Amino acid sequence: MTRAATTATRTRRRVGGRLAVVSACLALAAGCGSGGNGKAERTTTSGPTTTGATTTTTAPAINYQVQRGDTLTSIARKFHVSVDAILAMNKLTNPDHLSEGQTLVIPPAPPVSLTVTPPAGVAGEAFTLKVLGAKPGESVTFEIDYPNGKFTGPPHVASNEGEVSAMYQSSIGAAVGTYQVVAVGTQGTTVRGSFRIDLAPPTTTVPAG
């Protein structure tokens, strides 16, 4: 390996970051997928784009007549909402008791959003990525886009509430700029957001005495 290639390799390692993704499991969920605990990855990151998160609009509530063989879980998955949301909307006290022909009011699916906290920080800081409004049980993958390439994290299963969270740990040598984040689901969810990495403010040394 030439000296230049070795230097380039070391540079890429210094500016790398890592992405750990975890699916949020709630009490009514049967459990997360095998990737629910997530794992750390390393990647180079840099590049300017725009900031902010994208959301979609919601549909109105609808009436649904219970069919033979329906369960709250199957109905929730059919309309991409949580069991808790149907229980609350219809003031049901026994989630295991449904009658054929019973009419349920199905709340609208929550809007899809991706937020990054904090929206800006310095190299070496951790950034929390959160998707709301994914389909319950949907497999969601986070991507970080930058001018020299794209990092794709492992897929993770959305909770019963349609929530998936991730933590991106930037490295000390991460490049300054805006980082684009794209969350892509296997059931049609696609939402974008971004965060900035800025220069750390200079430290001030106070003379002793």
N, C-alpha and C. Protein backbone atom coordinates (compact mmCIF):
# COMPACT_ATOMS: atom_id res chain seq x y z
N MET A 1 0.87 -1.21 0.00
CA MET A 1 0.00 0.00 0.00
C MET A 1 0.89 1.24 0.00
N THR A 2 0.64 2.22 -0.89
CA THR A 2 1.44 3.43 -0.95
C THR A 2 1.21 4.29 0.27
N ARG A 3 2.13 5.24 0.48
CA ARG A 3 1.98 6.15 1.63
C ARG A 3 0.73 6.99 1.53
N ALA A 4 0.42 7.45 0.26
CA ALA A 4 -0.79 8.28 0.06
C ALA A 4 -2.04 7.51 0.38
N ALA A 5 -2.09 6.21 -0.06
CA ALA A 5 -3.28 5.39 0.22
C ALA A 5 -3.44 5.16 1.70
N THR A 6 -2.30 4.95 2.40
CA THR A 6 -2.37 4.75 3.85
C THR A 6 -2.90 5.98 4.55
N THR A 7 -2.43 7.16 4.10
CA THR A 7 -2.90 8.42 4.71
C THR A 7 -4.39 8.60 4.48
N ALA A 8 -4.86 8.29 3.24
CA ALA A 8 -6.29 8.43 2.95
C ALA A 8 -7.12 7.51 3.80
N THR A 9 -6.62 6.28 4.02
CA THR A 9 -7.36 5.33 4.85
C THR A 9 -7.47 5.83 6.27
N ARG A 10 -6.37 6.35 6.81
CA ARG A 10 -6.42 6.87 8.19
C ARG A 10 -7.37 8.05 8.30
N THR A 11 -7.39 8.90 7.25
CA THR A 11 -8.28 10.05 7.27
C THR A 11 -9.73 9.61 7.32
N ARG A 12 -10.09 8.61 6.52
CA ARG A 12 -11.47 8.12 6.53
C ARG A 12 -11.85 7.58 7.89
N ARG A 13 -10.95 6.91 8.57
CA ARG A 13 -11.27 6.37 9.89
C ARG A 13 -11.47 7.47 10.92
N ARG A 14 -10.72 8.58 10.77
CA ARG A 14 -10.85 9.64 11.75
C ARG A 14 -12.20 10.34 11.66
N VAL A 15 -12.76 10.46 10.45
CA VAL A 15 -14.00 11.24 10.31
C VAL A 15 -15.24 10.36 10.40
N GLY A 16 -15.07 9.15 10.79
CA GLY A 16 -16.20 8.24 10.82
C GLY A 16 -17.16 8.51 11.96
N GLY A 17 -18.37 7.98 11.84
CA GLY A 17 -19.35 8.02 12.91
C GLY A 17 -19.95 6.65 13.09
N ARG A 18 -20.89 6.52 13.96
CA ARG A 18 -21.56 5.24 14.13
C ARG A 18 -23.03 5.46 14.37
N LEU A 19 -23.82 4.50 13.95
CA LEU A 19 -25.27 4.61 14.06
C LEU A 19 -25.79 3.39 14.78
N ALA A 20 -26.44 3.61 15.94
CA ALA A 20 -27.06 2.51 16.68
C ALA A 20 -28.55 2.75 16.68
N VAL A 21 -29.34 1.77 16.20
CA VAL A 21 -30.79 1.94 16.06
C VAL A 21 -31.51 0.96 16.95
N VAL A 22 -32.53 1.45 17.66
CA VAL A 22 -33.32 0.57 18.52
C VAL A 22 -34.79 0.79 18.25
N SER A 23 -35.55 -0.27 18.22
CA SER A 23 -37.00 -0.17 18.07
C SER A 23 -37.64 -0.03 19.44
N ALA A 24 -38.59 0.88 19.58
CA ALA A 24 -39.25 1.10 20.85
C ALA A 24 -40.38 0.10 21.02
N CYS A 25 -40.31 -0.76 22.02
CA CYS A 25 -41.35 -1.77 22.26
C CYS A 25 -42.27 -1.28 23.37
N LEU A 26 -43.58 -1.37 23.16
CA LEU A 26 -44.55 -0.97 24.17
C LEU A 26 -45.17 -2.20 24.81
N ALA A 27 -45.95 -1.98 25.87
CA ALA A 27 -46.49 -3.08 26.65
C ALA A 27 -47.37 -4.00 25.82
N LEU A 28 -48.12 -3.43 24.86
CA LEU A 28 -49.03 -4.25 24.09
C LEU A 28 -48.37 -4.92 22.90
N ALA A 29 -47.12 -4.56 22.59
CA ALA A 29 -46.44 -5.18 21.46
C ALA A 29 -45.98 -6.57 21.84
N ALA A 30 -46.04 -7.48 20.87
CA ALA A 30 -45.60 -8.85 21.13
C ALA A 30 -44.10 -8.91 21.28
N GLY A 31 -43.37 -7.96 20.71
CA GLY A 31 -41.91 -7.94 20.83
C GLY A 31 -41.31 -7.34 19.58
N CYS A 32 -40.03 -6.93 19.71
CA CYS A 32 -39.34 -6.34 18.59
C CYS A 32 -38.72 -7.43 17.75
N GLY A 33 -38.26 -7.05 16.56
CA GLY A 33 -37.56 -7.98 15.70
C GLY A 33 -36.18 -8.28 16.22
N SER A 34 -35.46 -9.12 15.51
CA SER A 34 -34.16 -9.55 15.99
C SER A 34 -33.17 -8.41 16.08
N GLY A 35 -33.39 -7.33 15.32
CA GLY A 35 -32.45 -6.21 15.36
C GLY A 35 -32.84 -5.16 16.35
N GLY A 36 -33.74 -5.43 17.27
CA GLY A 36 -34.30 -4.40 18.14
C GLY A 36 -33.29 -3.69 19.00
N ASN A 37 -32.18 -4.38 19.38
CA ASN A 37 -31.21 -3.74 20.25
C ASN A 37 -30.20 -2.93 19.49
N GLY A 38 -30.12 -3.13 18.18
CA GLY A 38 -29.23 -2.34 17.36
C GLY A 38 -27.77 -2.70 17.59
N LYS A 39 -26.90 -2.12 16.75
CA LYS A 39 -25.47 -2.29 16.94
C LYS A 39 -24.77 -1.11 16.32
N ALA A 40 -23.55 -0.86 16.78
CA ALA A 40 -22.82 0.30 16.31
C ALA A 40 -22.15 0.00 14.98
N GLU A 41 -22.10 1.01 14.11
CA GLU A 41 -21.41 0.91 12.83
C GLU A 41 -20.54 2.15 12.69
N ARG A 42 -19.53 2.07 11.80
CA ARG A 42 -18.69 3.23 11.54
C ARG A 42 -18.79 3.61 10.08
N THR A 43 -18.73 4.92 9.82
CA THR A 43 -18.81 5.40 8.44
C THR A 43 -18.21 6.79 8.37
N THR A 44 -17.77 7.20 7.19
CA THR A 44 -17.36 8.58 7.01
C THR A 44 -18.59 9.43 6.79
N THR A 45 -18.58 10.68 7.26
CA THR A 45 -19.76 11.53 7.15
C THR A 45 -19.35 12.96 6.86
N SER A 46 -20.03 13.57 5.87
CA SER A 46 -19.83 14.98 5.59
C SER A 46 -20.82 15.40 4.52
N GLY A 47 -20.95 16.72 4.33
CA GLY A 47 -21.72 17.18 3.19
C GLY A 47 -22.82 18.15 3.50
N PRO A 48 -22.99 19.23 2.69
CA PRO A 48 -24.02 20.24 2.90
C PRO A 48 -25.33 19.89 2.23
N THR A 49 -26.43 20.14 2.91
CA THR A 49 -27.77 20.06 2.33
C THR A 49 -28.65 21.00 3.12
N THR A 50 -29.96 20.76 3.18
CA THR A 50 -30.87 21.62 3.92
C THR A 50 -31.27 20.96 5.22
N THR A 51 -31.81 21.76 6.14
CA THR A 51 -32.21 21.24 7.44
C THR A 51 -33.71 21.11 7.51
N GLY A 52 -34.18 20.37 8.53
CA GLY A 52 -35.62 20.26 8.76
C GLY A 52 -36.11 18.85 8.61
N ALA A 53 -37.39 18.61 8.96
CA ALA A 53 -38.02 17.30 8.87
C ALA A 53 -39.24 17.38 7.97
N THR A 54 -39.60 16.26 7.37
CA THR A 54 -40.74 16.20 6.47
C THR A 54 -41.88 15.45 7.14
N THR A 55 -43.10 15.94 7.01
CA THR A 55 -44.25 15.24 7.57
C THR A 55 -45.30 15.06 6.49
N THR A 56 -46.20 14.13 6.71
CA THR A 56 -47.31 13.93 5.78
C THR A 56 -48.62 14.28 6.48
N THR A 57 -49.67 14.50 5.69
CA THR A 57 -50.97 14.82 6.27
C THR A 57 -51.69 13.55 6.68
N THR A 58 -52.70 13.69 7.54
CA THR A 58 -53.44 12.53 8.02
C THR A 58 -54.82 12.47 7.39
N ALA A 59 -55.37 11.27 7.34
CA ALA A 59 -56.72 11.07 6.80
C ALA A 59 -57.73 11.18 7.94
N PRO A 60 -59.02 11.40 7.63
CA PRO A 60 -60.04 11.47 8.68
C PRO A 60 -60.32 10.09 9.27
N ALA A 61 -60.93 10.08 10.45
CA ALA A 61 -61.34 8.82 11.08
C ALA A 61 -62.41 8.15 10.23
N ILE A 62 -62.45 6.82 10.26
CA ILE A 62 -63.44 6.09 9.48
C ILE A 62 -64.16 5.08 10.37
N ASN A 63 -65.32 4.62 9.93
CA ASN A 63 -66.06 3.57 10.63
C ASN A 63 -65.74 2.22 9.98
N TYR A 64 -65.54 1.23 10.82
CA TYR A 64 -65.23 -0.12 10.32
C TYR A 64 -66.13 -1.12 11.02
N GLN A 65 -66.76 -1.98 10.24
CA GLN A 65 -67.63 -3.03 10.79
C GLN A 65 -66.81 -4.30 10.98
N VAL A 66 -66.80 -4.79 12.20
CA VAL A 66 -66.01 -5.97 12.55
C VAL A 66 -66.49 -7.18 11.77
N GLN A 67 -65.53 -7.90 11.18
CA GLN A 67 -65.83 -9.10 10.41
C GLN A 67 -65.47 -10.35 11.22
N ARG A 68 -65.99 -11.47 10.79
CA ARG A 68 -65.68 -12.74 11.45
C ARG A 68 -64.16 -12.98 11.39
N GLY A 69 -63.59 -13.32 12.53
CA GLY A 69 -62.16 -13.59 12.59
C GLY A 69 -61.31 -12.38 12.89
N ASP A 70 -61.90 -11.18 12.93
CA ASP A 70 -61.13 -9.98 13.23
C ASP A 70 -60.65 -9.98 14.68
N THR A 71 -59.47 -9.41 14.90
CA THR A 71 -58.97 -9.09 16.23
C THR A 71 -58.54 -7.63 16.21
N LEU A 72 -58.38 -7.05 17.39
CA LEU A 72 -57.92 -5.67 17.42
C LEU A 72 -56.55 -5.53 16.77
N THR A 73 -55.73 -6.54 16.96
CA THR A 73 -54.39 -6.49 16.36
C THR A 73 -54.46 -6.49 14.85
N SER A 74 -55.29 -7.38 14.28
CA SER A 74 -55.40 -7.43 12.82
C SER A 74 -56.03 -6.16 12.26
N ILE A 75 -57.00 -5.61 12.98
CA ILE A 75 -57.63 -4.35 12.54
C ILE A 75 -56.62 -3.21 12.60
N ALA A 76 -55.84 -3.17 13.69
CA ALA A 76 -54.84 -2.11 13.84
C ALA A 76 -53.82 -2.17 12.70
N ARG A 77 -53.37 -3.36 12.37
CA ARG A 77 -52.40 -3.50 11.28
C ARG A 77 -53.03 -3.14 9.93
N LYS A 78 -54.30 -3.46 9.76
CA LYS A 78 -54.98 -3.16 8.49
C LYS A 78 -55.02 -1.66 8.22
N PHE A 79 -55.22 -0.88 9.31
CA PHE A 79 -55.35 0.57 9.14
C PHE A 79 -54.10 1.34 9.59
N HIS A 80 -53.02 0.60 9.94
CA HIS A 80 -51.73 1.21 10.28
C HIS A 80 -51.84 2.14 11.48
N VAL A 81 -52.57 1.69 12.48
CA VAL A 81 -52.68 2.42 13.74
C VAL A 81 -52.38 1.45 14.87
N SER A 82 -52.29 1.98 16.09
CA SER A 82 -52.00 1.12 17.23
C SER A 82 -53.29 0.58 17.85
N VAL A 83 -53.15 -0.53 18.56
CA VAL A 83 -54.28 -1.09 19.30
C VAL A 83 -54.76 -0.08 20.35
N ASP A 84 -53.81 0.56 21.02
CA ASP A 84 -54.18 1.55 22.05
C ASP A 84 -55.03 2.67 21.48
N ALA A 85 -54.70 3.12 20.25
CA ALA A 85 -55.46 4.22 19.65
C ALA A 85 -56.90 3.79 19.38
N ILE A 86 -57.11 2.55 18.93
CA ILE A 86 -58.48 2.06 18.70
C ILE A 86 -59.23 1.92 20.02
N LEU A 87 -58.55 1.39 21.04
CA LEU A 87 -59.17 1.25 22.37
C LEU A 87 -59.63 2.61 22.89
N ALA A 88 -58.75 3.61 22.79
CA ALA A 88 -59.08 4.94 23.32
C ALA A 88 -60.20 5.59 22.52
N MET A 89 -60.17 5.47 21.21
CA MET A 89 -61.19 6.10 20.37
C MET A 89 -62.58 5.52 20.63
N ASN A 90 -62.64 4.22 20.91
CA ASN A 90 -63.93 3.56 21.09
C ASN A 90 -64.28 3.27 22.55
N LYS A 91 -63.44 3.71 23.47
CA LYS A 91 -63.66 3.53 24.92
C LYS A 91 -63.93 2.06 25.26
N LEU A 92 -63.11 1.19 24.68
CA LEU A 92 -63.25 -0.24 24.93
C LEU A 92 -62.50 -0.62 26.19
N THR A 93 -63.12 -1.42 27.03
CA THR A 93 -62.48 -1.85 28.28
C THR A 93 -61.90 -3.25 28.18
N ASN A 94 -62.41 -4.05 27.23
CA ASN A 94 -61.91 -5.41 27.06
C ASN A 94 -61.40 -5.59 25.63
N PRO A 95 -60.08 -5.50 25.44
CA PRO A 95 -59.54 -5.58 24.08
C PRO A 95 -59.72 -6.95 23.43
N ASP A 96 -60.05 -7.97 24.24
CA ASP A 96 -60.20 -9.33 23.70
C ASP A 96 -61.63 -9.64 23.28
N HIS A 97 -62.54 -8.69 23.49
CA HIS A 97 -63.95 -8.97 23.18
C HIS A 97 -64.43 -8.08 22.04
N LEU A 98 -64.65 -8.68 20.88
CA LEU A 98 -65.23 -8.00 19.73
C LEU A 98 -66.41 -8.82 19.23
N SER A 99 -67.42 -8.14 18.72
CA SER A 99 -68.60 -8.83 18.19
C SER A 99 -68.68 -8.64 16.69
N GLU A 100 -69.01 -9.69 15.97
CA GLU A 100 -69.18 -9.58 14.53
C GLU A 100 -70.28 -8.57 14.23
N GLY A 101 -70.02 -7.64 13.34
CA GLY A 101 -70.98 -6.61 13.00
C GLY A 101 -70.82 -5.35 13.83
N GLN A 102 -70.03 -5.41 14.89
CA GLN A 102 -69.78 -4.23 15.73
C GLN A 102 -69.07 -3.16 14.91
N THR A 103 -69.46 -1.90 15.13
CA THR A 103 -68.84 -0.79 14.40
C THR A 103 -67.78 -0.13 15.27
N LEU A 104 -66.60 -0.02 14.74
CA LEU A 104 -65.50 0.65 15.43
C LEU A 104 -65.13 1.92 14.66
N VAL A 105 -64.81 2.96 15.41
CA VAL A 105 -64.28 4.18 14.80
C VAL A 105 -62.76 4.04 14.78
N ILE A 106 -62.19 4.06 13.60
CA ILE A 106 -60.75 3.89 13.44
C ILE A 106 -60.11 5.28 13.32
N PRO A 107 -59.23 5.62 14.25
CA PRO A 107 -58.59 6.95 14.19
C PRO A 107 -57.65 7.03 12.99
N PRO A 108 -57.36 8.23 12.54
CA PRO A 108 -56.42 8.37 11.41
C PRO A 108 -55.02 7.93 11.82
N ALA A 109 -54.29 7.41 10.87
CA ALA A 109 -52.90 7.05 11.13
C ALA A 109 -52.11 8.32 11.43
N PRO A 110 -51.18 8.26 12.37
CA PRO A 110 -50.42 9.46 12.72
C PRO A 110 -49.55 9.91 11.55
N PRO A 111 -49.27 11.22 11.46
CA PRO A 111 -48.39 11.70 10.38
C PRO A 111 -46.99 11.15 10.55
N VAL A 112 -46.32 10.95 9.45
CA VAL A 112 -44.95 10.47 9.48
C VAL A 112 -44.00 11.65 9.68
N SER A 113 -43.08 11.53 10.62
CA SER A 113 -42.12 12.60 10.86
C SER A 113 -40.79 12.02 11.28
N LEU A 114 -39.74 12.75 11.00
CA LEU A 114 -38.39 12.40 11.44
C LEU A 114 -37.79 13.62 12.10
N THR A 115 -37.43 13.49 13.35
CA THR A 115 -36.80 14.59 14.08
C THR A 115 -35.40 14.18 14.51
N VAL A 116 -34.53 15.17 14.57
CA VAL A 116 -33.15 14.96 15.01
C VAL A 116 -32.89 15.89 16.19
N THR A 117 -32.38 15.32 17.29
CA THR A 117 -32.10 16.09 18.49
C THR A 117 -30.67 15.83 18.96
N PRO A 118 -29.87 16.87 19.15
CA PRO A 118 -30.13 18.27 18.82
C PRO A 118 -30.04 18.47 17.31
N PRO A 119 -30.61 19.57 16.81
CA PRO A 119 -30.54 19.82 15.36
C PRO A 119 -29.15 20.21 14.88
N ALA A 120 -28.30 20.62 15.83
CA ALA A 120 -26.92 21.00 15.49
C ALA A 120 -26.02 20.70 16.68
N GLY A 121 -24.80 20.34 16.41
CA GLY A 121 -23.84 20.05 17.47
C GLY A 121 -22.44 20.10 16.92
N VAL A 122 -21.50 19.55 17.68
CA VAL A 122 -20.10 19.56 17.27
C VAL A 122 -19.63 18.12 17.08
N ALA A 123 -18.51 17.97 16.41
CA ALA A 123 -17.95 16.65 16.17
C ALA A 123 -17.73 15.92 17.49
N GLY A 124 -18.08 14.65 17.52
CA GLY A 124 -17.99 13.86 18.74
C GLY A 124 -19.29 13.79 19.52
N GLU A 125 -20.29 14.57 19.12
CA GLU A 125 -21.58 14.60 19.83
C GLU A 125 -22.51 13.52 19.27
N ALA A 126 -23.44 13.06 20.11
CA ALA A 126 -24.43 12.07 19.70
C ALA A 126 -25.72 12.79 19.27
N PHE A 127 -26.37 12.28 18.23
CA PHE A 127 -27.61 12.84 17.71
C PHE A 127 -28.68 11.75 17.72
N THR A 128 -29.84 12.07 18.30
CA THR A 128 -30.95 11.12 18.37
C THR A 128 -31.87 11.32 17.18
N LEU A 129 -32.13 10.25 16.44
CA LEU A 129 -33.03 10.27 15.29
C LEU A 129 -34.30 9.51 15.67
N LYS A 130 -35.46 10.11 15.46
CA LYS A 130 -36.71 9.46 15.83
C LYS A 130 -37.74 9.58 14.72
N VAL A 131 -38.27 8.43 14.31
CA VAL A 131 -39.36 8.39 13.34
C VAL A 131 -40.65 8.09 14.08
N LEU A 132 -41.68 8.89 13.82
CA LEU A 132 -43.03 8.65 14.32
C LEU A 132 -43.95 8.46 13.12
N GLY A 133 -44.93 7.57 13.27
CA GLY A 133 -45.92 7.38 12.22
C GLY A 133 -45.57 6.30 11.21
N ALA A 134 -44.55 5.50 11.49
CA ALA A 134 -44.28 4.35 10.62
C ALA A 134 -45.39 3.32 10.81
N LYS A 135 -45.48 2.36 9.91
CA LYS A 135 -46.48 1.31 10.06
C LYS A 135 -46.07 0.39 11.21
N PRO A 136 -47.01 0.00 12.09
CA PRO A 136 -46.67 -0.94 13.15
C PRO A 136 -46.06 -2.22 12.57
N GLY A 137 -44.91 -2.61 13.07
CA GLY A 137 -44.24 -3.80 12.58
C GLY A 137 -43.43 -3.59 11.31
N GLU A 138 -43.40 -2.36 10.79
CA GLU A 138 -42.65 -2.09 9.56
C GLU A 138 -41.15 -2.11 9.83
N SER A 139 -40.39 -2.63 8.89
CA SER A 139 -38.93 -2.63 8.99
C SER A 139 -38.42 -1.31 8.41
N VAL A 140 -37.71 -0.54 9.23
CA VAL A 140 -37.25 0.80 8.84
C VAL A 140 -35.72 0.84 8.87
N THR A 141 -35.14 1.42 7.84
CA THR A 141 -33.69 1.56 7.73
C THR A 141 -33.33 3.04 7.69
N PHE A 142 -32.30 3.41 8.43
CA PHE A 142 -31.81 4.78 8.44
C PHE A 142 -30.59 4.89 7.51
N GLU A 143 -30.58 5.95 6.70
CA GLU A 143 -29.44 6.23 5.83
C GLU A 143 -28.90 7.61 6.15
N ILE A 144 -27.58 7.76 6.10
CA ILE A 144 -26.93 9.06 6.25
C ILE A 144 -26.26 9.36 4.92
N ASP A 145 -26.67 10.45 4.26
CA ASP A 145 -26.12 10.82 2.96
C ASP A 145 -25.10 11.94 3.11
N TYR A 146 -23.99 11.82 2.37
CA TYR A 146 -22.96 12.84 2.37
C TYR A 146 -22.30 12.84 1.00
N PRO A 147 -21.55 13.89 0.63
CA PRO A 147 -21.07 14.02 -0.75
C PRO A 147 -20.26 12.84 -1.26
N ASN A 148 -19.51 12.17 -0.40
CA ASN A 148 -18.63 11.10 -0.85
C ASN A 148 -19.26 9.71 -0.78
N GLY A 149 -20.53 9.63 -0.45
CA GLY A 149 -21.16 8.32 -0.36
C GLY A 149 -22.39 8.32 0.52
N LYS A 150 -22.80 7.11 0.92
CA LYS A 150 -23.99 6.96 1.75
C LYS A 150 -23.79 5.78 2.69
N PHE A 151 -24.17 5.99 3.96
CA PHE A 151 -24.13 4.91 4.94
C PHE A 151 -25.55 4.42 5.20
N THR A 152 -25.73 3.11 5.18
CA THR A 152 -27.03 2.51 5.47
C THR A 152 -26.91 1.64 6.70
N GLY A 153 -27.70 1.94 7.72
CA GLY A 153 -27.69 1.16 8.95
C GLY A 153 -28.52 -0.11 8.81
N PRO A 154 -28.51 -0.96 9.82
CA PRO A 154 -29.29 -2.20 9.77
C PRO A 154 -30.79 -1.91 9.91
N PRO A 155 -31.65 -2.75 9.32
CA PRO A 155 -33.10 -2.55 9.44
C PRO A 155 -33.59 -2.88 10.85
N HIS A 156 -34.63 -2.17 11.29
CA HIS A 156 -35.23 -2.40 12.60
C HIS A 156 -36.75 -2.28 12.52
N VAL A 157 -37.42 -2.99 13.38
CA VAL A 157 -38.88 -3.09 13.33
C VAL A 157 -39.52 -1.98 14.16
N ALA A 158 -40.49 -1.27 13.55
CA ALA A 158 -41.21 -0.22 14.25
C ALA A 158 -42.07 -0.83 15.35
N SER A 159 -42.25 -0.09 16.42
CA SER A 159 -43.07 -0.55 17.54
C SER A 159 -44.54 -0.58 17.16
N ASN A 160 -45.36 -1.05 18.09
CA ASN A 160 -46.81 -1.07 17.88
C ASN A 160 -47.36 0.33 17.69
N GLU A 161 -46.63 1.34 18.17
CA GLU A 161 -47.04 2.73 17.99
C GLU A 161 -46.42 3.36 16.75
N GLY A 162 -45.67 2.58 15.97
CA GLY A 162 -45.06 3.12 14.76
C GLY A 162 -43.86 3.99 15.02
N GLU A 163 -43.12 3.71 16.09
CA GLU A 163 -41.97 4.53 16.47
C GLU A 163 -40.67 3.75 16.33
N VAL A 164 -39.66 4.40 15.79
CA VAL A 164 -38.31 3.84 15.72
C VAL A 164 -37.33 4.95 16.08
N SER A 165 -36.40 4.64 16.97
CA SER A 165 -35.40 5.63 17.39
C SER A 165 -34.01 5.13 17.06
N ALA A 166 -33.11 6.07 16.80
CA ALA A 166 -31.72 5.75 16.51
C ALA A 166 -30.83 6.79 17.16
N MET A 167 -29.60 6.40 17.46
CA MET A 167 -28.62 7.37 17.95
C MET A 167 -27.41 7.33 17.03
N TYR A 168 -27.07 8.47 16.46
CA TYR A 168 -25.89 8.58 15.61
C TYR A 168 -24.78 9.23 16.42
N GLN A 169 -23.71 8.50 16.64
CA GLN A 169 -22.57 9.01 17.40
C GLN A 169 -21.50 9.48 16.43
N SER A 170 -21.36 10.79 16.31
CA SER A 170 -20.33 11.31 15.41
C SER A 170 -18.96 11.15 16.05
N SER A 171 -17.93 11.11 15.22
CA SER A 171 -16.57 10.95 15.74
C SER A 171 -15.95 12.32 16.00
N ILE A 172 -14.85 12.31 16.71
CA ILE A 172 -14.16 13.57 17.03
C ILE A 172 -13.73 14.29 15.75
N GLY A 173 -13.37 13.52 14.71
CA GLY A 173 -12.89 14.13 13.47
C GLY A 173 -13.95 14.28 12.40
N ALA A 174 -15.24 14.20 12.76
CA ALA A 174 -16.31 14.31 11.76
C ALA A 174 -16.27 15.67 11.06
N ALA A 175 -16.55 15.67 9.77
CA ALA A 175 -16.49 16.90 8.98
C ALA A 175 -17.60 17.86 9.35
N VAL A 176 -17.31 19.14 9.25
CA VAL A 176 -18.31 20.18 9.48
C VAL A 176 -19.26 20.23 8.28
N GLY A 177 -20.56 20.39 8.53
CA GLY A 177 -21.52 20.49 7.44
C GLY A 177 -22.88 19.97 7.86
N THR A 178 -23.79 19.88 6.89
CA THR A 178 -25.14 19.38 7.12
C THR A 178 -25.23 17.93 6.68
N TYR A 179 -25.79 17.08 7.54
CA TYR A 179 -25.90 15.65 7.29
C TYR A 179 -27.35 15.30 7.00
N GLN A 180 -27.61 14.72 5.83
CA GLN A 180 -28.96 14.33 5.45
C GLN A 180 -29.28 12.94 6.02
N VAL A 181 -30.46 12.80 6.61
CA VAL A 181 -30.92 11.52 7.15
C VAL A 181 -32.18 11.12 6.40
N VAL A 182 -32.23 9.88 5.92
CA VAL A 182 -33.41 9.35 5.24
C VAL A 182 -33.83 8.06 5.93
N ALA A 183 -35.08 8.00 6.36
CA ALA A 183 -35.64 6.78 6.95
C ALA A 183 -36.55 6.14 5.91
N VAL A 184 -36.26 4.89 5.56
CA VAL A 184 -37.00 4.18 4.51
C VAL A 184 -37.59 2.90 5.10
N GLY A 185 -38.91 2.72 4.95
CA GLY A 185 -39.59 1.55 5.48
C GLY A 185 -39.99 0.58 4.39
N THR A 186 -40.22 -0.66 4.76
CA THR A 186 -40.60 -1.70 3.80
C THR A 186 -42.07 -1.65 3.42
N GLN A 187 -42.87 -0.80 4.14
CA GLN A 187 -44.29 -0.69 3.83
C GLN A 187 -44.66 0.70 3.31
N GLY A 188 -43.67 1.39 2.74
CA GLY A 188 -43.97 2.66 2.09
C GLY A 188 -43.54 3.91 2.84
N THR A 189 -43.09 3.78 4.08
CA THR A 189 -42.67 4.96 4.83
C THR A 189 -41.36 5.50 4.28
N THR A 190 -41.33 6.78 3.94
CA THR A 190 -40.10 7.47 3.56
C THR A 190 -40.17 8.88 4.10
N VAL A 191 -39.20 9.25 4.90
CA VAL A 191 -39.20 10.58 5.51
C VAL A 191 -37.77 11.05 5.67
N ARG A 192 -37.56 12.36 5.54
CA ARG A 192 -36.22 12.93 5.57
C ARG A 192 -36.06 13.96 6.68
N GLY A 193 -34.85 14.11 7.13
CA GLY A 193 -34.49 15.12 8.10
C GLY A 193 -33.01 15.40 7.97
N SER A 194 -32.47 16.23 8.82
CA SER A 194 -31.04 16.54 8.74
C SER A 194 -30.56 17.14 10.04
N PHE A 195 -29.25 17.18 10.19
CA PHE A 195 -28.64 17.85 11.33
C PHE A 195 -27.30 18.42 10.88
N ARG A 196 -26.79 19.37 11.65
CA ARG A 196 -25.52 20.02 11.31
C ARG A 196 -24.46 19.67 12.34
N ILE A 197 -23.25 19.57 11.85
CA ILE A 197 -22.08 19.50 12.72
C ILE A 197 -21.28 20.77 12.47
N ASP A 198 -21.09 21.57 13.52
CA ASP A 198 -20.39 22.85 13.44
C ASP A 198 -19.06 22.77 14.14
N LEU A 199 -18.25 23.80 13.90
CA LEU A 199 -16.97 23.88 14.59
C LEU A 199 -17.20 24.12 16.08
N ALA A 200 -16.40 23.48 16.90
CA ALA A 200 -16.49 23.69 18.34
C ALA A 200 -15.98 25.09 18.67
N PRO A 201 -16.65 25.80 19.59
CA PRO A 201 -16.17 27.15 19.95
C PRO A 201 -14.79 27.06 20.57
N PRO A 202 -13.95 28.07 20.32
CA PRO A 202 -12.60 28.04 20.90
C PRO A 202 -12.65 28.08 22.42
N THR A 203 -11.75 27.38 23.04
CA THR A 203 -11.68 27.39 24.51
C THR A 203 -10.87 28.58 24.97
N THR A 204 -11.28 29.16 26.07
CA THR A 204 -10.60 30.32 26.64
C THR A 204 -9.86 29.91 27.89
N THR A 205 -8.58 30.20 27.92
CA THR A 205 -7.77 29.86 29.09
C THR A 205 -7.69 31.08 30.01
N VAL A 206 -8.10 30.92 31.22
CA VAL A 206 -8.06 32.00 32.22
C VAL A 206 -6.74 31.89 32.97
N PRO A 207 -5.96 32.93 32.94
CA PRO A 207 -4.66 32.87 33.64
C PRO A 207 -4.84 32.68 35.15
N ALA A 208 -3.96 31.90 35.72
CA ALA A 208 -4.02 31.66 37.16
C ALA A 208 -3.70 32.92 37.93
N GLY A 209 -4.31 33.05 39.11
CA GLY A 209 -4.03 34.19 39.97
C GLY A 209 -4.91 35.35 39.67
